[in-house]
Amino acid sequence: MSQSTITPPEQQSPTRPGAEAGSPLGNGLKQRHLSMIALGGVIGAGLFVGSGAGIAAAGPSIVLAYAASGLLVMFVMRMLGEMSAANPSSGSFSVHADRAIGPWAGFTAGWMFWTLLCVGVAIEAIGAAHIMTGWFPGTPSWMWVLVFMAVFCGSNLAAVSNFGEFEFWFAALKIGAIALFLGLGVLAVLGLLPGTGSPGAANLLHDGGFLPNGVDGLLVGLLASVVAYGGLETVTIAAAESDNPVRGVAKAVKTTMWRIAIVYVGSMLVIVTLLPWNDPAVTSDGPYAATLDHLGIPHAGQVMNVVILIALLSAMNANIYGSSRMAYSLVSRGQGPKALGKLSGRVPRRAVLASSGFGFVTVLLSYWYPDTLFAWLLNMVGGVILVVWGFIAVSQFVLRRRMEREAPEKLVVKMWGFPYLTWVALAGLAGVLVLMAMGDDTRIQLVFTGGLRGPLPAPGYQLPRGRSGRQAAKPPP
């Protein structure tokens, strides 16, 4: 099988409208793929299961928590969309940080995100295997992990259109499930669902009121909701392998607002309106399954298990894809092992194998050292997404000024209220980090994430200046 290496930047030239200059990657993703990746990217297992802990802590005010963190994420995605529409790249925010701040920033953001995605593959594989062993008692969980890893590693080794098709149908199923849930929920809230009566505002105002655990509970819910939004960045990575990256990114980012409002805030409002926030089933069964059981939907638990399994497999697929493209982009800029830069059939197969391999090793660590090494890895990536979002905000602030001077025609997508809302986003991210430092469980995550972040810039400082042709930023004092 023939292989191709990375074309040096000075020899590259654009190959399709809005494409990353000279990118030798494929362009098998269509607009329908990108649209569904963007829609499905906000619907993960963290929403279906993890939101239960947030509801238990914040009560009905979880709606405010998801609305506040959702607003922050909308700002981040708008900033990322502005940069990605102007300069589509498989390295997404890592490339933007490289151009705006310096190679050390691109190196740090890229490899931190790669680690996050690979550990995420392990978490999702373990969760999916747990569901399968519940359906097929007596089967070993390692067998299901191996099956899922082989399937999605294999799909990502093939043409990028395979990844697109998997995500298209996964997203369609998740969106269908959420739409059905919201439809049934709204009918029940209005008292129009047969066999149910409208609860009115009783569950929102009784059992301690709208803020049953005070501001502290709301803050816990806020931290839980921030984590649930991770994964939206994949669409800007995938756009670089589409037939029209600029249009794809612009369309995906411009619809982020209503996706977040309907899927997250809307479903949280339905759940806490229909169920008492302190119902034990909210955490034991998951808020969505508990709500469906409350409405008398037959086999609600198993139905939600199917949906959660789809969400987990979708996340596995997307994480293997995203990590391999991020690794390839880093290597193409001289920021990683050259061996991972080989292409076969316009697919970075060595990067796919390396990313899948690290994910599989992480799964093994979860079995061998669940309370030591695996726990250390989980804590290490706990705050990574906030660091990445911080790089996105700073990069957008720098590159927006630069584009306004040098290439204003590239500003197809613009950040709202620049520069004021960019500063608001940075302040919001700083506020979340302060909240993490205040909690015992989250403080350890912050420390471990800092341990990962600390040494990464060092090799980045030794790298030559980025493609932008500007001198790398000086290291901070």
Protein backbone atom coordinates (compact mmCIF):
# COMPACT_ATOMS: atom_id res chain seq x y z
CA MET A 1 0.00 0.00 0.00
CA SER A 2 1.46 3.33 -1.00
CA GLN A 3 2.25 5.90 1.62
CA SER A 4 2.74 9.62 1.44
CA THR A 5 4.58 11.90 3.79
CA ILE A 6 3.74 15.40 4.86
CA THR A 7 4.23 18.05 2.24
CA PRO A 8 6.40 20.91 3.52
CA PRO A 9 4.38 24.09 4.09
CA GLU A 10 6.30 26.09 1.54
CA GLN A 11 5.36 23.59 -1.19
CA GLN A 12 1.70 23.41 -0.36
CA SER A 13 -1.19 24.98 -2.21
CA PRO A 14 -4.95 25.02 -1.68
CA THR A 15 -6.80 22.09 -3.20
CA ARG A 16 -10.46 22.96 -2.62
CA PRO A 17 -12.54 25.94 -1.51
CA GLY A 18 -11.78 26.91 2.05
CA ALA A 19 -9.48 23.97 2.60
CA GLU A 20 -6.44 24.05 4.80
CA ALA A 21 -3.64 24.95 2.45
CA GLY A 22 -2.26 21.83 0.82
CA SER A 23 -3.79 19.42 3.31
CA PRO A 24 -3.19 15.91 1.95
CA LEU A 25 -6.03 14.52 4.08
CA GLY A 26 -9.21 13.33 2.37
CA ASN A 27 -12.36 15.36 1.85
CA GLY A 28 -14.92 12.59 2.22
CA LEU A 29 -17.13 14.37 4.76
CA LYS A 30 -20.26 15.94 3.30
CA GLN A 31 -22.40 18.74 4.65
CA ARG A 32 -24.94 16.24 6.00
CA HIS A 33 -22.12 14.55 7.95
CA LEU A 34 -20.94 17.83 9.46
CA SER A 35 -24.47 18.91 10.32
CA MET A 36 -25.19 15.68 12.17
CA ILE A 37 -21.76 15.65 13.87
CA ALA A 38 -22.51 19.16 15.12
CA LEU A 39 -26.01 18.18 16.27
CA GLY A 40 -24.97 14.88 17.81
CA GLY A 41 -21.84 16.33 19.39
CA VAL A 42 -23.86 17.99 22.14
CA ILE A 43 -25.66 14.77 23.07
CA GLY A 44 -23.39 12.45 25.04
CA ALA A 45 -23.47 9.97 27.87
CA GLY A 46 -22.53 12.82 30.22
CA LEU A 47 -25.92 14.39 29.48
CA PHE A 48 -27.93 11.18 29.88
CA VAL A 49 -26.20 9.95 33.04
CA GLY A 50 -23.87 12.60 34.48
CA SER A 51 -26.58 15.25 34.73
CA GLY A 52 -28.16 13.27 37.56
CA ALA A 53 -25.41 14.29 39.99
CA GLY A 54 -25.87 17.92 38.98
CA ILE A 55 -29.63 17.75 39.62
CA ALA A 56 -29.06 16.10 43.01
CA ALA A 57 -26.72 18.94 44.00
CA ALA A 58 -28.46 21.98 42.50
CA GLY A 59 -32.11 20.90 42.47
CA PRO A 60 -34.33 22.83 40.04
CA SER A 61 -31.62 25.51 39.73
CA ILE A 62 -29.72 23.05 37.52
CA VAL A 63 -31.58 24.82 34.71
CA LEU A 64 -29.70 28.02 35.57
CA ALA A 65 -26.42 26.10 35.82
CA TYR A 66 -26.81 24.61 32.35
CA ALA A 67 -27.93 27.94 30.93
CA ALA A 68 -24.91 29.77 32.39
CA SER A 69 -22.34 27.18 31.31
CA GLY A 70 -24.13 26.85 27.97
CA LEU A 71 -23.72 30.59 27.40
CA LEU A 72 -20.00 30.26 28.11
CA VAL A 73 -19.72 27.34 25.68
CA MET A 74 -21.58 29.30 23.01
CA PHE A 75 -19.02 32.07 23.30
CA VAL A 76 -16.15 29.57 23.07
CA MET A 77 -17.66 27.84 20.02
CA ARG A 78 -18.33 31.16 18.33
CA MET A 79 -14.70 32.17 18.82
CA LEU A 80 -13.49 28.79 17.58
CA GLY A 81 -15.86 29.00 14.62
CA GLU A 82 -14.53 32.43 13.67
CA MET A 83 -10.96 31.12 13.52
CA SER A 84 -11.83 27.78 11.92
CA ALA A 85 -13.95 29.34 9.18
CA ALA A 86 -11.10 31.73 8.37
CA ASN A 87 -8.42 29.02 8.45
CA PRO A 88 -9.85 25.46 8.45
CA SER A 89 -7.41 22.93 9.87
CA SER A 90 -7.45 19.38 11.17
CA GLY A 91 -5.54 20.75 14.17
CA SER A 92 -8.30 23.27 14.93
CA PHE A 93 -7.56 25.29 18.09
CA SER A 94 -4.00 23.88 18.31
CA VAL A 95 -3.15 25.49 14.97
CA HIS A 96 -4.86 28.72 15.96
CA ALA A 97 -2.91 28.85 19.25
CA ASP A 98 0.30 28.17 17.31
CA ARG A 99 -0.38 31.10 14.96
CA ALA A 100 -1.63 33.48 17.64
CA ILE A 101 0.57 32.80 20.66
CA GLY A 102 3.45 30.60 19.53
CA PRO A 103 4.43 26.96 18.93
CA TRP A 104 4.56 26.26 22.68
CA ALA A 105 0.84 27.09 22.95
CA GLY A 106 -0.15 24.93 19.97
CA PHE A 107 1.99 22.08 21.29
CA THR A 108 0.51 22.32 24.79
CA ALA A 109 -3.14 22.64 23.73
CA GLY A 110 -2.83 19.90 21.10
CA TRP A 111 -1.18 17.20 23.20
CA MET A 112 -3.34 17.95 26.25
CA PHE A 113 -6.43 17.51 24.10
CA TRP A 114 -5.01 14.34 22.55
CA THR A 115 -4.51 12.88 26.04
CA LEU A 116 -8.05 13.88 27.03
CA LEU A 117 -9.57 12.15 23.99
CA CYS A 118 -7.54 8.96 24.45
CA VAL A 119 -8.52 8.67 28.12
CA GLY A 120 -12.09 9.40 27.03
CA VAL A 121 -11.95 6.40 24.68
CA ALA A 122 -11.14 4.20 27.67
CA ILE A 123 -13.95 5.61 29.82
CA GLU A 124 -16.49 5.16 27.04
CA ALA A 125 -15.31 1.65 26.19
CA ILE A 126 -15.64 0.59 29.83
CA GLY A 127 -19.12 2.13 30.07
CA ALA A 128 -20.28 0.43 26.87
CA ALA A 129 -18.88 -2.92 28.03
CA HIS A 130 -20.76 -2.56 31.33
CA ILE A 131 -24.06 -2.21 29.47
CA MET A 132 -23.29 -5.22 27.26
CA THR A 133 -22.42 -7.48 30.21
CA GLY A 134 -25.76 -6.50 31.74
CA TRP A 135 -27.53 -7.69 28.60
CA PHE A 136 -25.33 -10.77 28.21
CA PRO A 137 -24.50 -12.04 31.71
CA GLY A 138 -21.43 -14.23 31.92
CA THR A 139 -19.58 -12.53 29.08
CA PRO A 140 -16.32 -10.85 30.09
CA SER A 141 -16.22 -7.08 29.85
CA TRP A 142 -12.74 -7.15 28.26
CA MET A 143 -14.23 -9.01 25.28
CA TRP A 144 -16.68 -6.17 24.58
CA VAL A 145 -13.95 -3.56 25.02
CA LEU A 146 -11.83 -5.43 22.47
CA VAL A 147 -14.75 -5.69 20.04
CA PHE A 148 -15.60 -1.99 20.26
CA MET A 149 -11.96 -0.91 20.01
CA ALA A 150 -11.45 -3.12 16.95
CA VAL A 151 -14.61 -1.87 15.22
CA PHE A 152 -13.91 1.82 15.65
CA CYS A 153 -10.20 1.60 15.11
CA GLY A 154 -10.98 -0.27 11.88
CA SER A 155 -13.56 2.27 10.76
CA ASN A 156 -11.12 5.12 11.35
CA LEU A 157 -8.36 3.31 9.46
CA ALA A 158 -10.57 3.33 6.38
CA ALA A 159 -11.70 6.39 4.45
CA VAL A 160 -12.92 9.37 6.46
CA SER A 161 -16.37 8.90 4.97
CA ASN A 162 -16.71 5.78 7.18
CA PHE A 163 -16.31 7.93 10.28
CA GLY A 164 -18.83 10.35 8.83
CA GLU A 165 -21.40 7.63 8.17
CA PHE A 166 -21.03 6.12 11.65
CA GLU A 167 -21.46 9.53 13.26
CA PHE A 168 -24.34 10.44 10.94
CA TRP A 169 -26.43 7.49 12.06
CA PHE A 170 -25.33 7.63 15.69
CA ALA A 171 -26.28 11.32 15.78
CA ALA A 172 -29.60 10.65 14.06
CA LEU A 173 -30.53 8.06 16.70
CA LYS A 174 -29.48 10.32 19.59
CA ILE A 175 -31.36 13.30 18.17
CA GLY A 176 -34.42 11.12 17.61
CA ALA A 177 -34.28 9.92 21.22
CA ILE A 178 -33.95 13.46 22.61
CA ALA A 179 -36.73 14.74 20.36
CA LEU A 180 -39.05 11.94 21.52
CA PHE A 181 -38.15 12.57 25.17
CA LEU A 182 -38.77 16.31 24.87
CA GLY A 183 -42.02 15.75 23.00
CA LEU A 184 -43.36 13.39 25.65
CA GLY A 185 -42.06 15.64 28.42
CA VAL A 186 -43.71 18.79 27.11
CA LEU A 187 -47.03 16.96 26.68
CA ALA A 188 -46.77 15.69 30.27
CA VAL A 189 -45.91 19.17 31.62
CA LEU A 190 -48.99 20.56 29.85
CA GLY A 191 -51.15 17.69 31.12
CA LEU A 192 -51.83 16.46 27.59
CA LEU A 193 -50.21 13.03 27.90
CA PRO A 194 -52.82 10.30 28.55
CA GLY A 195 -52.73 9.04 32.11
CA THR A 196 -50.79 11.99 33.50
CA GLY A 197 -51.70 15.31 35.06
CA SER A 198 -49.76 18.54 34.81
CA PRO A 199 -47.47 19.00 37.85
CA GLY A 200 -47.49 22.75 37.42
CA ALA A 201 -44.67 24.44 39.31
CA ALA A 202 -44.86 22.17 42.36
CA ASN A 203 -41.57 20.33 41.77
CA LEU A 204 -39.82 23.60 40.93
CA LEU A 205 -40.83 25.42 44.11
CA HIS A 206 -41.42 22.73 46.79
CA ASP A 207 -38.93 20.44 48.58
CA GLY A 208 -36.62 23.28 49.46
CA GLY A 209 -37.53 25.67 46.68
CA PHE A 210 -35.75 26.52 43.46
CA LEU A 211 -32.36 26.65 45.27
CA PRO A 212 -32.72 23.82 47.81
CA ASN A 213 -28.99 23.62 48.57
CA GLY A 214 -28.29 27.30 48.19
CA VAL A 215 -25.61 28.86 46.06
CA ASP A 216 -23.17 26.06 46.93
CA GLY A 217 -25.44 23.50 45.29
CA LEU A 218 -25.81 25.72 42.24
CA LEU A 219 -22.03 25.97 41.91
CA VAL A 220 -21.65 22.18 42.08
CA GLY A 221 -24.27 21.87 39.36
CA LEU A 222 -22.43 24.48 37.30
CA LEU A 223 -19.19 22.49 37.43
CA ALA A 224 -21.03 19.29 36.48
CA SER A 225 -22.68 21.01 33.52
CA VAL A 226 -19.42 22.41 32.14
CA VAL A 227 -17.99 18.91 31.74
CA ALA A 228 -21.08 17.74 29.85
CA TYR A 229 -20.46 20.23 27.04
CA GLY A 230 -17.10 18.74 26.03
CA GLY A 231 -17.01 17.30 22.50
CA LEU A 232 -18.33 20.22 20.51
CA GLU A 233 -14.82 20.95 19.24
CA THR A 234 -14.77 17.83 17.03
CA VAL A 235 -16.85 19.46 14.30
CA THR A 236 -14.13 22.05 13.63
CA ILE A 237 -11.56 19.26 13.36
CA ALA A 238 -13.78 17.27 11.00
CA ALA A 239 -14.58 20.30 8.82
CA ALA A 240 -11.03 20.28 7.44
CA GLU A 241 -11.86 16.99 5.66
CA SER A 242 -15.10 18.21 4.10
CA ASP A 243 -15.71 19.44 0.57
CA ASN A 244 -16.39 22.99 1.82
CA PRO A 245 -14.87 23.57 5.28
CA VAL A 246 -15.80 27.25 5.52
CA ARG A 247 -19.49 26.67 4.86
CA GLY A 248 -19.52 23.61 7.11
CA VAL A 249 -17.99 25.38 10.10
CA ALA A 250 -20.09 28.49 9.63
CA LYS A 251 -23.34 26.53 9.51
CA ALA A 252 -22.45 24.32 12.48
CA VAL A 253 -21.37 27.19 14.73
CA LYS A 254 -24.32 29.42 13.86
CA THR A 255 -26.76 26.77 15.07
CA THR A 256 -24.95 26.08 18.37
CA MET A 257 -27.23 28.41 20.34
CA TRP A 258 -30.54 26.69 19.69
CA ARG A 259 -28.97 23.22 19.98
CA ILE A 260 -27.71 24.00 23.48
CA ALA A 261 -30.93 25.76 24.48
CA ILE A 262 -33.18 22.90 23.37
CA VAL A 263 -31.10 19.83 24.15
CA TYR A 264 -29.54 20.81 27.48
CA VAL A 265 -31.54 23.60 29.07
CA GLY A 266 -34.84 22.35 27.65
CA SER A 267 -34.42 18.77 28.81
CA MET A 268 -33.22 19.85 32.29
CA LEU A 269 -36.34 22.03 32.62
CA VAL A 270 -38.59 19.14 31.61
CA ILE A 271 -36.93 16.75 34.08
CA VAL A 272 -37.05 18.99 37.17
CA THR A 273 -40.61 20.05 36.33
CA LEU A 274 -41.87 16.47 36.11
CA LEU A 275 -39.79 14.88 38.90
CA PRO A 276 -38.89 15.94 42.44
CA TRP A 277 -35.20 16.85 42.29
CA ASN A 278 -34.44 14.64 45.31
CA ASP A 279 -36.04 11.49 43.86
CA PRO A 280 -33.41 8.72 44.41
CA ALA A 281 -34.07 7.38 40.90
CA VAL A 282 -32.59 10.55 39.39
CA THR A 283 -29.09 9.41 40.37
CA SER A 284 -29.57 5.63 40.56
CA ASP A 285 -31.33 5.19 37.21
CA GLY A 286 -30.36 8.42 35.50
CA PRO A 287 -32.65 11.45 35.11
CA TYR A 288 -33.96 10.52 31.66
CA ALA A 289 -34.81 6.92 32.54
CA ALA A 290 -36.37 8.09 35.83
CA THR A 291 -38.54 10.60 33.98
CA LEU A 292 -39.71 8.02 31.43
CA ASP A 293 -40.50 5.57 34.26
CA HIS A 294 -42.49 8.32 35.98
CA LEU A 295 -44.50 8.82 32.76
CA GLY A 296 -45.22 5.09 32.62
CA ILE A 297 -43.22 4.41 29.46
CA PRO A 298 -42.70 0.62 29.27
CA HIS A 299 -39.12 -0.65 29.57
CA ALA A 300 -37.82 2.89 30.03
CA GLY A 301 -34.60 1.71 31.67
CA GLN A 302 -33.66 -0.58 28.79
CA VAL A 303 -34.65 2.03 26.23
CA MET A 304 -32.29 4.50 27.86
CA ASN A 305 -29.55 1.87 28.06
CA VAL A 306 -29.76 1.56 24.28
CA VAL A 307 -29.54 5.33 23.88
CA ILE A 308 -26.63 5.56 26.33
CA LEU A 309 -24.81 2.75 24.53
CA ILE A 310 -25.21 4.64 21.24
CA ALA A 311 -23.93 7.82 22.88
CA LEU A 312 -20.90 5.97 24.27
CA LEU A 313 -20.05 4.32 20.95
CA SER A 314 -20.50 7.62 19.15
CA ALA A 315 -18.09 9.29 21.58
CA MET A 316 -15.55 6.47 21.13
CA ASN A 317 -15.70 6.86 17.37
CA ALA A 318 -15.39 10.64 17.53
CA ASN A 319 -12.56 10.55 20.08
CA ILE A 320 -10.45 8.13 18.03
CA TYR A 321 -11.04 10.32 14.99
CA GLY A 322 -10.35 13.60 16.77
CA SER A 323 -7.23 12.36 18.56
CA SER A 324 -5.72 10.91 15.37
CA ARG A 325 -6.28 14.14 13.42
CA MET A 326 -4.91 16.25 16.25
CA ALA A 327 -1.80 14.04 16.42
CA TYR A 328 -1.37 14.25 12.64
CA SER A 329 -1.69 18.03 12.68
CA LEU A 330 0.87 18.36 15.48
CA VAL A 331 3.33 16.11 13.64
CA SER A 332 2.81 18.01 10.39
CA ARG A 333 4.00 21.13 12.24
CA GLY A 334 7.05 19.37 13.63
CA GLN A 335 5.53 18.98 17.08
CA GLY A 336 5.50 15.20 17.41
CA PRO A 337 7.07 11.91 16.25
CA LYS A 338 7.55 12.02 12.47
CA ALA A 339 6.44 8.40 12.12
CA LEU A 340 2.86 9.42 12.93
CA GLY A 341 2.82 11.75 9.92
CA LYS A 342 2.68 8.97 7.32
CA LEU A 343 -0.50 8.83 5.25
CA SER A 344 -2.06 5.82 3.57
CA GLY A 345 -4.99 6.46 1.28
CA ARG A 346 -5.14 10.05 2.60
CA VAL A 347 -5.76 8.71 6.13
CA PRO A 348 -3.22 9.13 8.99
CA ARG A 349 -3.38 5.45 9.85
CA ARG A 350 -0.34 5.42 12.12
CA ALA A 351 -1.89 8.24 14.12
CA VAL A 352 -5.15 6.28 14.32
CA LEU A 353 -3.29 3.20 15.59
CA ALA A 354 -1.29 5.23 18.10
CA SER A 355 -4.41 6.96 19.44
CA SER A 356 -6.38 3.71 19.61
CA GLY A 357 -3.41 1.93 21.19
CA PHE A 358 -3.07 4.53 23.93
CA GLY A 359 -6.80 4.28 24.54
CA PHE A 360 -6.61 0.50 24.82
CA VAL A 361 -3.65 0.69 27.22
CA THR A 362 -5.69 3.10 29.31
CA VAL A 363 -8.50 0.52 29.44
CA LEU A 364 -6.03 -2.07 30.73
CA LEU A 365 -4.82 0.38 33.38
CA SER A 366 -8.43 0.73 34.55
CA TYR A 367 -8.51 -3.03 35.22
CA TRP A 368 -5.02 -3.40 36.65
CA TYR A 369 -4.73 -0.18 38.67
CA PRO A 370 -8.24 1.27 39.07
CA ASP A 371 -7.38 3.18 42.26
CA THR A 372 -3.90 4.36 41.29
CA LEU A 373 -2.79 4.86 37.70
CA PHE A 374 -6.27 5.05 36.15
CA ALA A 375 -7.51 7.38 38.88
CA TRP A 376 -4.41 9.50 38.27
CA LEU A 377 -5.22 9.68 34.54
CA LEU A 378 -8.83 10.66 35.23
CA ASN A 379 -7.76 13.45 37.55
CA MET A 380 -5.09 14.57 35.08
CA VAL A 381 -7.64 15.25 32.31
CA GLY A 382 -10.32 16.64 34.64
CA GLY A 383 -9.63 20.29 33.82
CA VAL A 384 -8.10 19.93 30.35
CA ILE A 385 -11.15 21.21 28.50
CA LEU A 386 -11.02 24.48 30.45
CA VAL A 387 -7.35 24.96 29.53
CA VAL A 388 -8.20 24.31 25.87
CA TRP A 389 -11.07 26.81 25.98
CA GLY A 390 -8.69 29.35 27.51
CA PHE A 391 -6.27 28.92 24.60
CA ILE A 392 -9.20 29.35 22.19
CA ALA A 393 -10.26 32.65 23.78
CA VAL A 394 -6.75 34.13 23.85
CA SER A 395 -6.06 32.96 20.28
CA GLN A 396 -9.28 34.51 18.99
CA PHE A 397 -8.48 37.83 20.63
CA VAL A 398 -5.07 37.94 18.91
CA LEU A 399 -6.10 36.56 15.52
CA ARG A 400 -9.22 38.72 15.22
CA ARG A 401 -7.10 41.86 15.42
CA ARG A 402 -4.68 40.41 12.91
CA MET A 403 -7.39 39.39 10.43
CA GLU A 404 -9.08 42.77 10.66
CA ARG A 405 -5.79 44.32 9.54
CA GLU A 406 -4.59 41.75 7.00
CA ALA A 407 -7.51 39.69 5.67
CA PRO A 408 -10.94 41.04 6.73
CA GLU A 409 -12.60 39.02 3.94
CA LYS A 410 -11.86 35.85 5.95
CA LEU A 411 -14.18 36.89 8.77
CA VAL A 412 -17.10 34.79 7.56
CA VAL A 413 -18.14 34.04 11.14
CA LYS A 414 -17.66 36.79 13.70
CA MET A 415 -17.56 36.61 17.47
CA TRP A 416 -20.41 38.65 18.93
CA GLY A 417 -19.57 41.87 20.75
CA PHE A 418 -15.83 41.63 20.18
CA PRO A 419 -13.72 42.27 22.20
CA TYR A 420 -16.04 42.62 25.19
CA LEU A 421 -17.62 39.16 25.07
CA THR A 422 -14.20 37.60 24.54
CA TRP A 423 -13.16 39.16 27.84
CA VAL A 424 -16.41 37.94 29.42
CA ALA A 425 -15.61 34.40 28.26
CA LEU A 426 -12.09 34.59 29.71
CA ALA A 427 -13.50 35.87 33.00
CA GLY A 428 -16.05 33.05 33.01
CA LEU A 429 -13.35 30.43 32.46
CA ALA A 430 -11.26 31.95 35.24
CA GLY A 431 -14.32 31.85 37.50
CA VAL A 432 -14.89 28.14 36.83
CA LEU A 433 -11.23 27.41 37.62
CA VAL A 434 -11.60 29.29 40.92
CA LEU A 435 -14.70 27.22 41.73
CA MET A 436 -12.75 24.04 40.99
CA ALA A 437 -10.01 25.17 43.36
CA MET A 438 -12.60 25.59 46.13
CA GLY A 439 -13.93 22.01 46.02
CA ASP A 440 -12.06 19.03 47.49
CA ASP A 441 -12.88 16.67 44.61
CA THR A 442 -12.30 19.20 41.85
CA ARG A 443 -9.19 20.74 43.43
CA ILE A 444 -7.26 17.50 42.96
CA GLN A 445 -8.28 17.49 39.29
CA LEU A 446 -6.96 21.01 38.94
CA VAL A 447 -3.66 20.03 40.52
CA PHE A 448 -3.21 17.00 38.28
CA THR A 449 -4.21 18.95 35.18
CA GLY A 450 -1.63 21.56 36.17
CA GLY A 451 0.90 18.73 36.44
CA LEU A 452 0.15 17.77 32.83
CA ARG A 453 0.11 21.37 31.64
CA GLY A 454 3.33 22.34 33.46
CA PRO A 455 6.02 20.48 31.49
CA LEU A 456 4.37 20.54 28.06
CA PRO A 457 5.36 24.09 27.02
CA ALA A 458 9.07 23.32 27.58
CA PRO A 459 9.61 21.35 24.34
CA GLY A 460 7.28 23.77 22.59
CA TYR A 461 9.62 26.66 23.37
CA GLN A 462 12.34 24.88 21.38
CA LEU A 463 10.21 24.68 18.23
CA PRO A 464 10.70 27.05 15.29
CA ARG A 465 8.19 29.78 14.64
CA GLY A 466 4.77 28.66 13.31
CA ARG A 467 3.35 28.77 9.81
CA SER A 468 2.07 32.25 10.34
CA GLY A 469 5.59 33.47 9.81
CA ARG A 470 5.60 35.31 13.13
CA GLN A 471 8.05 34.83 15.89
CA ALA A 472 6.81 32.55 18.65
CA ALA A 473 5.62 34.22 21.78
CA LYS A 474 8.14 34.58 24.57
CA PRO A 475 7.68 32.24 27.50
CA PRO A 476 5.96 33.82 30.44
CA PRO A 477 8.20 34.89 33.32
